[in-house]
Amino acid sequence: MANSRSGETVTERIVRVLETFDADRTVQTTAEIGRRARLPSSTAHRVVAGLVECGLLERDEQQRVRLGMRLWELALRGSHALRLRQAALPFMERVQARVREHTQLAVLENGETLFVERLSHPHAGANITRIAGRLPLHASSSGLVLLAHGPEELRERVLAGPLEAVSPKTVTDPALLRRVLAGVRRDGVVVAPGTVEAVSTGVAVPVREGRGRVVAALSVVLPRSTPTGPAAEALRSAAAGISAALGARRP
């Protein structure tokens, strides 16, 4: 795409506009979008108008802007995440029926943990993660699994820091984190008490495709006082089922 006078491409401006939306900011005015995307007013109005015209954004009755259904439709077509979720959901439901707390599916995306599915009991304990939410790789049980089995270059980059403390129990010491990751690869499971929230424990296992490559992390979030053994057993069984289902669905 052509560059603007600032050297920024049209694609980059579109991405910046779309990134102004999140789970807590679902509707905005064009002026708010322009300010948050750091775009001149005229550019923001032009980009937003073009995205509305093609259905990637929509306007409500008050002319405020929200993400369009067309964007959702396009995102799901041929999506690896959709295929993964479809394979995982039946097994996640079995885990959730057993733990009755939170069961989650996450993938590695652009150097972060991206949560693509979550099942939660109405009376489950604390959990800050949400579908389409992100966390640093070192700061959750799912992220630790993905980092342990991710590319060596990524692992070394994360270990080089800085390692942000999401909670007082988040592992921020590189030497300790390296030992934790080695343990994840050795044991095939990680138990991470308090690394995201002090009152919760995350338990996670890797999900593999047929050839053994880790493509996701399956996890539960439990109250700190809950024994983790039964959850780890349920997760291992579910991960094996998801891996088999992914192999069966391979084109």
Foldseek 3Di string as FASTA:
>chain_A
DDADPVRHDLVLLLVLLVVVDDPVRFWAALVVSCVSSVHPSVVSVVSQVVCCVVFQWHADPVRIIGGGVVVVVVCPVVHPLVVLCVLQVVLQVVLCVVQQAKKWKWFDDPQWTATQDMDGHPPHDDDPDDHRDTDHLQQAQFSLLNLLQDDPVSVVVPLVDCDDQLFPQRDRHSVVSVVQSVVCVVVQKHWRACSNHNQKIKIWGFAAAPVGRGGIIIIGIHGPPDDCVVSNVSRVVSSVSSNVSNNVPDD
